[in-house]
Amino acid sequence: MWDRSRRTVAAAVASASMAIGAGHGIAQDLTVPFAIDATRSDPGRPSRPFGKTYRGPLFDTHTHLAPLGGRPTDANAVVVAMREADVARVVLLPPPNAAKMSGILTSLAQAQTLRRSSGGAVLVMCGSDYLTEWMNAAARRGGLPNDMPGQMSRLQRDLQSGACAGVGEIGVRHYAKAAGEQVIDLPAAYPPLLAIAENAARLGVPLEIHAEPVEPNGRRHDAEVFGTVAAMLERAPNLRPICAHTAMTNAHNARALLQAFPTLMMDVNFGKHTSGVVDWENLEGVTNESGEIYADWAALFEEMPDRFMVGTDSFFSRADAAKHYTHKMKQVRRALGSLSAKAAARIAYRNADRLFGGETAGSKH
């Protein structure tokens, strides 16, 4: 068994390493199978008026139990926040900067304790805490990281253990939108990233990536980001990737990505506004400052309702986690209420149930 596992890991590493280009392991021929719209959307464009508030079940696929200020928070904060916000299931992910967070090991252990005691209400994604910075440090040096077989074997063991619902949140491009954040800037189609994709695909689990196409200064990397998604799926056609925060791009590019790659999913943060939020002002939000879904995004959600999931990017480490989360989920319910009933239910929980397995319980509303 061990020899066979070791051989499959070695094959994935060798396969990914074939993508190494001259000099720094950068793929030389990125292909983006659609015309990229590199313009920023008008924050004053039309939006969908609120309808009747969505009252059904909620499955939040993108949350964090990570230390803020270097000190982990009691994991019971997650249970309390879920109860107060009436959220049936959540996925906890180590954030892209997890490796640089003091206290992250305690938070990771707390997340697994929650998973075991939750009866399926809390799922955990794995890997970012040891994979993202491992790749990023090597990329800063201009080459490949050491011990690819060892890291891929570790990932495989984690995924086969039953403790992990998937891989993520892997940082591909993550810029300093707030003071002290670590910049993550991997080369396009970086070979270790392709190896991670192959492992996730072989074991049939989702891979969530955080890849910002635009730097805070406005410099764009659309082709590198979308080309990397294409390279991952070319290498691992059975991969089930998730682009965090609707790929942080406009509705035109999101539609093109989803049309080009049938297994791709996106999580949606209904609380990130395109204007008025300095940290995210260059990254496309789906709602305006009032929380109404922009008309172009509402049309896409209803056109492709099977491809999106709720993902609030909430940090349960906040001292006021329950209050903050309840407020955020009220925003989610209000936004979903402006969509068709079919689209709202699929985005709220049904798509996540299909991707992660299990069944989301009904809402008390």
Protein backbone atom coordinates (compact mmCIF):
# COMPACT_ATOMS: atom_id res chain seq x y z
CA MET A 1 0.00 0.00 0.00
CA TRP A 2 2.74 2.43 1.00
CA ASP A 3 4.83 1.62 -2.08
CA ARG A 4 1.83 2.19 -4.36
CA SER A 5 1.03 5.52 -2.67
CA ARG A 6 4.64 6.59 -2.92
CA ARG A 7 4.68 5.75 -6.62
CA THR A 8 1.53 7.80 -7.33
CA VAL A 9 2.99 10.79 -5.48
CA ALA A 10 6.24 10.47 -7.39
CA ALA A 11 4.33 10.33 -10.66
CA ALA A 12 2.42 13.50 -9.81
CA VAL A 13 5.63 15.31 -8.92
CA ALA A 14 7.34 14.19 -12.11
CA SER A 15 4.33 15.13 -14.20
CA ALA A 16 4.08 18.60 -12.65
CA SER A 17 7.81 19.16 -13.02
CA MET A 18 7.47 18.79 -16.80
CA ALA A 19 5.88 22.26 -16.74
CA ILE A 20 9.17 23.85 -15.63
CA GLY A 21 10.23 26.55 -18.04
CA ALA A 22 13.65 28.08 -18.44
CA GLY A 23 15.00 29.69 -15.30
CA HIS A 24 12.32 29.74 -12.62
CA GLY A 25 9.82 26.94 -13.15
CA ILE A 26 7.36 29.20 -14.99
CA ALA A 27 5.17 27.64 -17.66
CA GLN A 28 5.99 29.36 -20.92
CA ASP A 29 2.78 28.76 -22.86
CA LEU A 30 -0.26 29.81 -20.87
CA THR A 31 -3.54 29.44 -22.69
CA VAL A 32 -6.64 31.37 -21.68
CA PRO A 33 -9.54 30.02 -23.77
CA PHE A 34 -11.56 33.23 -23.84
CA ALA A 35 -11.16 36.95 -24.37
CA ILE A 36 -10.35 38.62 -21.04
CA ASP A 37 -12.19 41.78 -20.03
CA ALA A 38 -9.55 43.73 -18.10
CA THR A 39 -11.76 46.69 -17.22
CA ARG A 40 -13.04 47.38 -13.75
CA SER A 41 -16.81 47.39 -13.42
CA ASP A 42 -18.62 50.62 -12.68
CA PRO A 43 -19.57 50.58 -8.96
CA GLY A 44 -22.59 52.72 -9.80
CA ARG A 45 -24.08 50.27 -12.30
CA PRO A 46 -27.61 48.88 -11.86
CA SER A 47 -28.37 46.42 -9.09
CA ARG A 48 -31.17 43.95 -8.37
CA PRO A 49 -33.69 45.30 -5.81
CA PHE A 50 -34.16 43.27 -2.65
CA GLY A 51 -36.98 40.77 -2.70
CA LYS A 52 -38.43 38.59 0.01
CA THR A 53 -35.65 37.50 2.39
CA TYR A 54 -34.39 33.96 1.83
CA ARG A 55 -35.45 31.78 4.79
CA GLY A 56 -34.03 28.40 3.85
CA PRO A 57 -30.96 26.46 5.01
CA LEU A 58 -27.45 27.90 4.73
CA PHE A 59 -24.13 26.15 4.16
CA ASP A 60 -21.17 28.56 4.39
CA THR A 61 -18.28 27.04 2.47
CA HIS A 62 -15.58 29.60 3.27
CA THR A 63 -14.84 30.45 6.92
CA HIS A 64 -11.74 30.63 9.10
CA LEU A 65 -10.85 29.68 12.66
CA ALA A 66 -7.51 31.43 12.64
CA PRO A 67 -5.81 33.46 15.36
CA LEU A 68 -6.00 37.22 15.22
CA GLY A 69 -3.42 39.07 17.29
CA GLY A 70 -1.46 35.85 17.72
CA ARG A 71 -3.94 34.18 20.07
CA PRO A 72 -6.41 31.46 19.05
CA THR A 73 -10.03 31.88 20.07
CA ASP A 74 -12.06 29.25 21.91
CA ALA A 75 -13.45 26.99 19.20
CA ASN A 76 -16.84 27.17 20.88
CA ALA A 77 -17.14 30.58 19.19
CA VAL A 78 -17.88 28.73 15.95
CA VAL A 79 -20.72 26.73 17.51
CA VAL A 80 -22.25 29.82 19.10
CA ALA A 81 -21.94 31.88 15.92
CA MET A 82 -23.52 29.17 13.78
CA ARG A 83 -26.43 28.83 16.19
CA GLU A 84 -27.03 32.56 16.47
CA ALA A 85 -26.78 33.08 12.70
CA ASP A 86 -28.87 29.97 11.94
CA VAL A 87 -26.22 28.41 9.68
CA ALA A 88 -26.45 24.64 9.40
CA ARG A 89 -22.98 23.79 8.05
CA VAL A 90 -19.64 25.50 7.56
CA VAL A 91 -16.27 24.72 6.03
CA LEU A 92 -13.22 25.93 7.96
CA LEU A 93 -10.09 26.64 5.94
CA PRO A 94 -6.60 27.75 6.95
CA PRO A 95 -6.22 31.17 5.28
CA PRO A 96 -3.48 31.79 2.71
CA ASN A 97 -1.31 33.46 5.36
CA ALA A 98 -1.78 30.65 7.89
CA ALA A 99 1.90 29.68 8.05
CA LYS A 100 2.81 33.17 9.27
CA MET A 101 0.18 33.26 12.03
CA SER A 102 1.28 32.71 15.61
CA GLY A 103 -1.03 30.18 17.22
CA ILE A 104 -2.16 28.60 13.96
CA LEU A 105 -1.34 25.05 15.14
CA THR A 106 -3.74 25.44 18.05
CA SER A 107 -6.44 26.72 15.71
CA LEU A 108 -5.92 23.81 13.33
CA ALA A 109 -6.28 21.34 16.21
CA GLN A 110 -9.43 23.13 17.40
CA ALA A 111 -10.90 22.91 13.91
CA GLN A 112 -10.39 19.15 13.84
CA THR A 113 -11.96 18.79 17.29
CA LEU A 114 -14.98 20.70 16.03
CA ARG A 115 -15.17 18.52 12.95
CA ARG A 116 -15.18 15.32 14.98
CA SER A 117 -17.85 16.52 17.40
CA SER A 118 -20.15 18.30 14.94
CA GLY A 119 -21.92 15.38 13.31
CA GLY A 120 -21.06 16.69 9.84
CA ALA A 121 -21.95 20.33 10.52
CA VAL A 122 -18.30 21.44 10.46
CA LEU A 123 -15.95 20.40 7.67
CA VAL A 124 -12.26 21.25 7.42
CA MET A 125 -10.07 21.91 4.40
CA CYS A 126 -6.37 21.23 4.77
CA GLY A 127 -2.97 22.09 3.38
CA SER A 128 -2.64 25.83 3.11
CA ASP A 129 -0.84 26.06 6.44
CA TYR A 130 2.11 24.06 5.11
CA LEU A 131 1.82 24.31 1.32
CA THR A 132 1.26 27.97 0.46
CA GLU A 133 4.26 29.50 2.22
CA TRP A 134 6.40 26.51 1.22
CA MET A 135 5.73 27.43 -2.41
CA ASN A 136 5.87 31.18 -1.86
CA ALA A 137 9.27 31.12 -0.14
CA ALA A 138 10.76 29.18 -3.03
CA ALA A 139 9.13 31.46 -5.60
CA ARG A 140 10.70 34.48 -3.86
CA ARG A 141 14.07 32.78 -4.32
CA GLY A 142 13.31 32.30 -8.00
CA GLY A 143 13.04 28.52 -8.12
CA LEU A 144 11.24 25.42 -6.93
CA PRO A 145 10.79 24.36 -3.29
CA ASN A 146 12.64 21.45 -1.77
CA ASP A 147 11.04 18.11 -0.93
CA MET A 148 8.12 18.06 -3.34
CA PRO A 149 7.68 14.27 -2.85
CA GLY A 150 7.59 14.69 0.92
CA GLN A 151 5.03 17.48 0.84
CA MET A 152 2.83 15.66 -1.65
CA SER A 153 3.00 12.52 0.50
CA ARG A 154 1.95 14.55 3.53
CA LEU A 155 -0.97 16.00 1.61
CA GLN A 156 -2.02 12.57 0.43
CA ARG A 157 -1.93 11.21 3.99
CA ASP A 158 -4.06 14.13 5.20
CA LEU A 159 -6.62 13.62 2.47
CA GLN A 160 -6.80 9.86 2.98
CA SER A 161 -7.19 10.24 6.76
CA GLY A 162 -10.79 11.44 6.55
CA ALA A 163 -9.92 14.62 8.44
CA CYS A 164 -9.99 16.83 5.36
CA ALA A 165 -12.88 17.65 3.06
CA GLY A 166 -10.48 19.05 0.49
CA VAL A 167 -7.43 21.23 -0.04
CA GLY A 168 -7.36 24.95 0.64
CA GLU A 169 -7.37 27.86 0.90
CA ILE A 170 -4.23 27.73 -1.25
CA GLY A 171 -2.79 31.16 -1.95
CA VAL A 172 -1.73 31.69 -5.55
CA ARG A 173 -1.78 35.49 -5.55
CA HIS A 174 -2.64 37.29 -2.33
CA TYR A 175 -1.63 40.91 -1.91
CA ALA A 176 -1.31 43.06 1.21
CA LYS A 177 -4.76 44.58 1.48
CA ALA A 178 -4.27 45.23 5.19
CA ALA A 179 -1.26 46.04 7.36
CA GLY A 180 1.01 43.08 8.08
CA GLU A 181 -0.39 40.71 5.48
CA GLN A 182 2.10 38.47 3.74
CA VAL A 183 2.27 38.91 -0.03
CA ILE A 184 1.89 35.64 -1.94
CA ASP A 185 2.91 35.78 -5.58
CA LEU A 186 3.44 32.40 -7.23
CA PRO A 187 4.58 32.13 -10.84
CA ALA A 188 1.90 31.23 -13.34
CA ALA A 189 1.25 27.46 -13.53
CA TYR A 190 3.85 26.85 -10.81
CA PRO A 191 4.80 23.14 -10.86
CA PRO A 192 4.16 22.45 -7.14
CA LEU A 193 0.68 23.94 -7.54
CA LEU A 194 0.04 21.59 -10.45
CA ALA A 195 1.19 18.67 -8.30
CA ILE A 196 -1.27 19.71 -5.59
CA ALA A 197 -4.03 19.84 -8.20
CA GLU A 198 -3.16 16.35 -9.41
CA ASN A 199 -3.28 14.94 -5.88
CA ALA A 200 -6.66 16.58 -5.17
CA ALA A 201 -8.06 15.30 -8.46
CA ARG A 202 -6.79 11.76 -7.94
CA LEU A 203 -8.36 11.58 -4.49
CA GLY A 204 -11.60 13.22 -5.64
CA VAL A 205 -11.63 16.24 -3.31
CA PRO A 206 -12.14 19.95 -4.03
CA LEU A 207 -9.23 22.38 -4.24
CA GLU A 208 -9.91 25.98 -3.22
CA ILE A 209 -7.56 28.63 -4.56
CA HIS A 210 -7.23 32.32 -3.73
CA ALA A 211 -5.86 34.12 -6.78
CA GLU A 212 -6.20 37.89 -7.03
CA PRO A 213 -6.00 39.11 -10.64
CA VAL A 214 -5.32 42.72 -9.59
CA GLU A 215 -2.75 44.21 -7.23
CA PRO A 216 -3.78 47.01 -4.84
CA ASN A 217 -1.92 49.44 -7.12
CA GLY A 218 -4.14 48.38 -10.05
CA ARG A 219 -1.56 46.29 -11.90
CA ARG A 220 -3.39 43.38 -13.54
CA HIS A 221 -2.48 39.70 -13.80
CA ASP A 222 -5.64 38.32 -15.40
CA ALA A 223 -3.86 36.15 -17.97
CA GLU A 224 -1.54 34.61 -15.37
CA VAL A 225 -4.39 33.82 -12.98
CA PHE A 226 -6.84 32.45 -15.53
CA GLY A 227 -4.03 30.67 -17.39
CA THR A 228 -3.03 28.96 -14.15
CA VAL A 229 -6.59 27.68 -13.66
CA ALA A 230 -6.48 26.38 -17.23
CA ALA A 231 -3.10 24.69 -16.65
CA MET A 232 -4.36 22.98 -13.49
CA LEU A 233 -7.37 21.57 -15.31
CA GLU A 234 -5.34 20.56 -18.34
CA ARG A 235 -3.04 18.60 -16.04
CA ALA A 236 -5.88 17.24 -13.90
CA PRO A 237 -9.14 17.20 -15.91
CA ASN A 238 -11.09 15.59 -13.04
CA LEU A 239 -10.10 18.33 -10.61
CA ARG A 240 -12.94 20.08 -8.81
CA PRO A 241 -11.50 23.57 -8.25
CA ILE A 242 -13.15 26.38 -6.32
CA CYS A 243 -12.20 29.97 -7.09
CA ALA A 244 -12.51 31.96 -3.87
CA HIS A 245 -14.65 35.10 -3.83
CA THR A 246 -16.04 34.63 -7.39
CA ALA A 247 -12.42 34.68 -8.66
CA MET A 248 -12.25 38.37 -7.67
CA THR A 249 -13.04 39.31 -11.25
CA ASN A 250 -15.96 40.81 -13.13
CA ALA A 251 -19.09 38.94 -14.18
CA HIS A 252 -17.91 38.73 -17.81
CA ASN A 253 -14.72 36.86 -16.90
CA ALA A 254 -16.49 34.74 -14.29
CA ARG A 255 -19.02 33.58 -16.89
CA ALA A 256 -16.23 32.82 -19.36
CA LEU A 257 -14.29 30.82 -16.75
CA LEU A 258 -17.33 28.75 -15.83
CA GLN A 259 -18.21 28.12 -19.47
CA ALA A 260 -14.64 27.08 -20.27
CA PHE A 261 -14.20 24.79 -17.26
CA PRO A 262 -17.30 22.71 -16.42
CA THR A 263 -15.96 21.38 -13.08
CA LEU A 264 -15.09 24.84 -11.72
CA MET A 265 -17.10 26.24 -8.81
CA MET A 266 -16.97 29.67 -7.17
CA ASP A 267 -17.84 30.77 -3.68
CA VAL A 268 -19.64 34.09 -3.25
CA ASN A 269 -19.06 36.69 -0.56
CA PHE A 270 -22.19 38.83 -0.63
CA GLY A 271 -20.64 41.25 1.84
CA LYS A 272 -17.68 42.47 -0.21
CA HIS A 273 -18.58 45.72 -1.95
CA THR A 274 -16.85 47.02 -5.06
CA SER A 275 -16.73 50.56 -3.70
CA GLY A 276 -16.34 51.97 -0.24
CA VAL A 277 -14.15 49.11 1.04
CA VAL A 278 -10.56 50.26 0.64
CA ASP A 279 -8.97 46.86 1.27
CA TRP A 280 -10.85 45.31 -1.67
CA GLU A 281 -11.47 48.26 -3.95
CA ASN A 282 -9.54 46.73 -6.89
CA LEU A 283 -11.24 43.34 -6.53
CA GLU A 284 -14.71 42.91 -7.92
CA GLY A 285 -17.50 42.47 -5.38
CA VAL A 286 -20.95 41.19 -6.30
CA THR A 287 -22.96 43.72 -4.28
CA ASN A 288 -23.14 47.49 -4.02
CA GLU A 289 -22.73 49.49 -0.84
CA SER A 290 -26.35 48.80 0.10
CA GLY A 291 -25.84 45.06 -0.21
CA GLU A 292 -27.91 44.71 -3.40
CA ILE A 293 -26.55 42.25 -5.96
CA TYR A 294 -25.38 43.96 -9.12
CA ALA A 295 -27.67 43.17 -12.04
CA ASP A 296 -24.89 41.54 -14.10
CA TRP A 297 -24.03 39.19 -11.24
CA ALA A 298 -27.68 38.44 -10.47
CA ALA A 299 -28.18 37.44 -14.11
CA LEU A 300 -25.13 35.15 -13.97
CA PHE A 301 -26.24 33.52 -10.71
CA GLU A 302 -29.61 32.72 -12.28
CA GLU A 303 -28.08 31.66 -15.60
CA MET A 304 -25.61 29.24 -13.93
CA PRO A 305 -27.14 28.52 -10.49
CA ASP A 306 -25.30 25.20 -10.09
CA ARG A 307 -21.85 26.81 -10.07
CA PHE A 308 -21.90 29.06 -7.00
CA MET A 309 -21.87 28.57 -3.22
CA VAL A 310 -22.08 30.90 -0.23
CA GLY A 311 -18.61 31.71 1.12
CA THR A 312 -18.51 34.59 3.60
CA ASP A 313 -14.77 34.61 4.41
CA SER A 314 -15.72 35.06 8.07
CA PHE A 315 -13.11 34.87 10.83
CA PHE A 316 -14.54 33.29 13.97
CA SER A 317 -11.52 34.56 15.90
CA ARG A 318 -13.18 37.95 16.37
CA ALA A 319 -14.18 38.79 19.93
CA ASP A 320 -17.68 39.56 18.63
CA ALA A 321 -17.80 36.56 16.30
CA ALA A 322 -21.44 35.64 16.89
CA LYS A 323 -22.70 39.21 16.47
CA HIS A 324 -20.56 39.81 13.39
CA TYR A 325 -21.50 36.50 11.79
CA THR A 326 -25.20 36.96 12.45
CA HIS A 327 -25.06 40.38 10.77
CA LYS A 328 -23.18 38.97 7.80
CA MET A 329 -25.61 36.09 7.32
CA LYS A 330 -28.55 38.51 7.44
CA GLN A 331 -26.87 40.28 4.50
CA VAL A 332 -26.55 36.93 2.73
CA ARG A 333 -30.21 36.03 3.26
CA ARG A 334 -31.34 39.45 2.07
CA ALA A 335 -29.18 39.26 -1.06
CA LEU A 336 -30.30 35.72 -1.89
CA GLY A 337 -33.90 36.87 -1.62
CA SER A 338 -33.48 38.95 -4.76
CA LEU A 339 -32.72 35.84 -6.83
CA SER A 340 -35.11 33.23 -8.13
CA ALA A 341 -36.05 30.60 -5.55
CA LYS A 342 -34.21 27.94 -7.55
CA ALA A 343 -30.96 29.91 -7.73
CA ALA A 344 -31.16 31.00 -4.09
CA ALA A 345 -31.54 27.47 -2.74
CA ARG A 346 -28.79 26.05 -4.91
CA ILE A 347 -26.32 28.76 -3.95
CA ALA A 348 -27.38 28.71 -0.29
CA TYR A 349 -26.74 25.01 0.32
CA ARG A 350 -27.62 22.52 -2.41
CA ASN A 351 -24.49 23.00 -4.52
CA ALA A 352 -22.30 22.73 -1.42
CA ASP A 353 -24.07 19.52 -0.37
CA ARG A 354 -23.39 18.11 -3.82
CA LEU A 355 -19.71 19.07 -3.73
CA PHE A 356 -18.86 18.19 -0.13
CA GLY A 357 -21.41 15.46 0.56
CA GLY A 358 -23.87 15.19 3.41
CA GLU A 359 -27.21 16.88 3.80
CA THR A 360 -27.87 20.34 5.19
CA ALA A 361 -30.58 20.52 7.83
CA GLY A 362 -33.55 22.89 7.47
CA SER A 363 -33.69 26.42 8.84
CA LYS A 364 -35.70 27.57 11.85
CA HIS A 365 -36.83 30.73 9.97
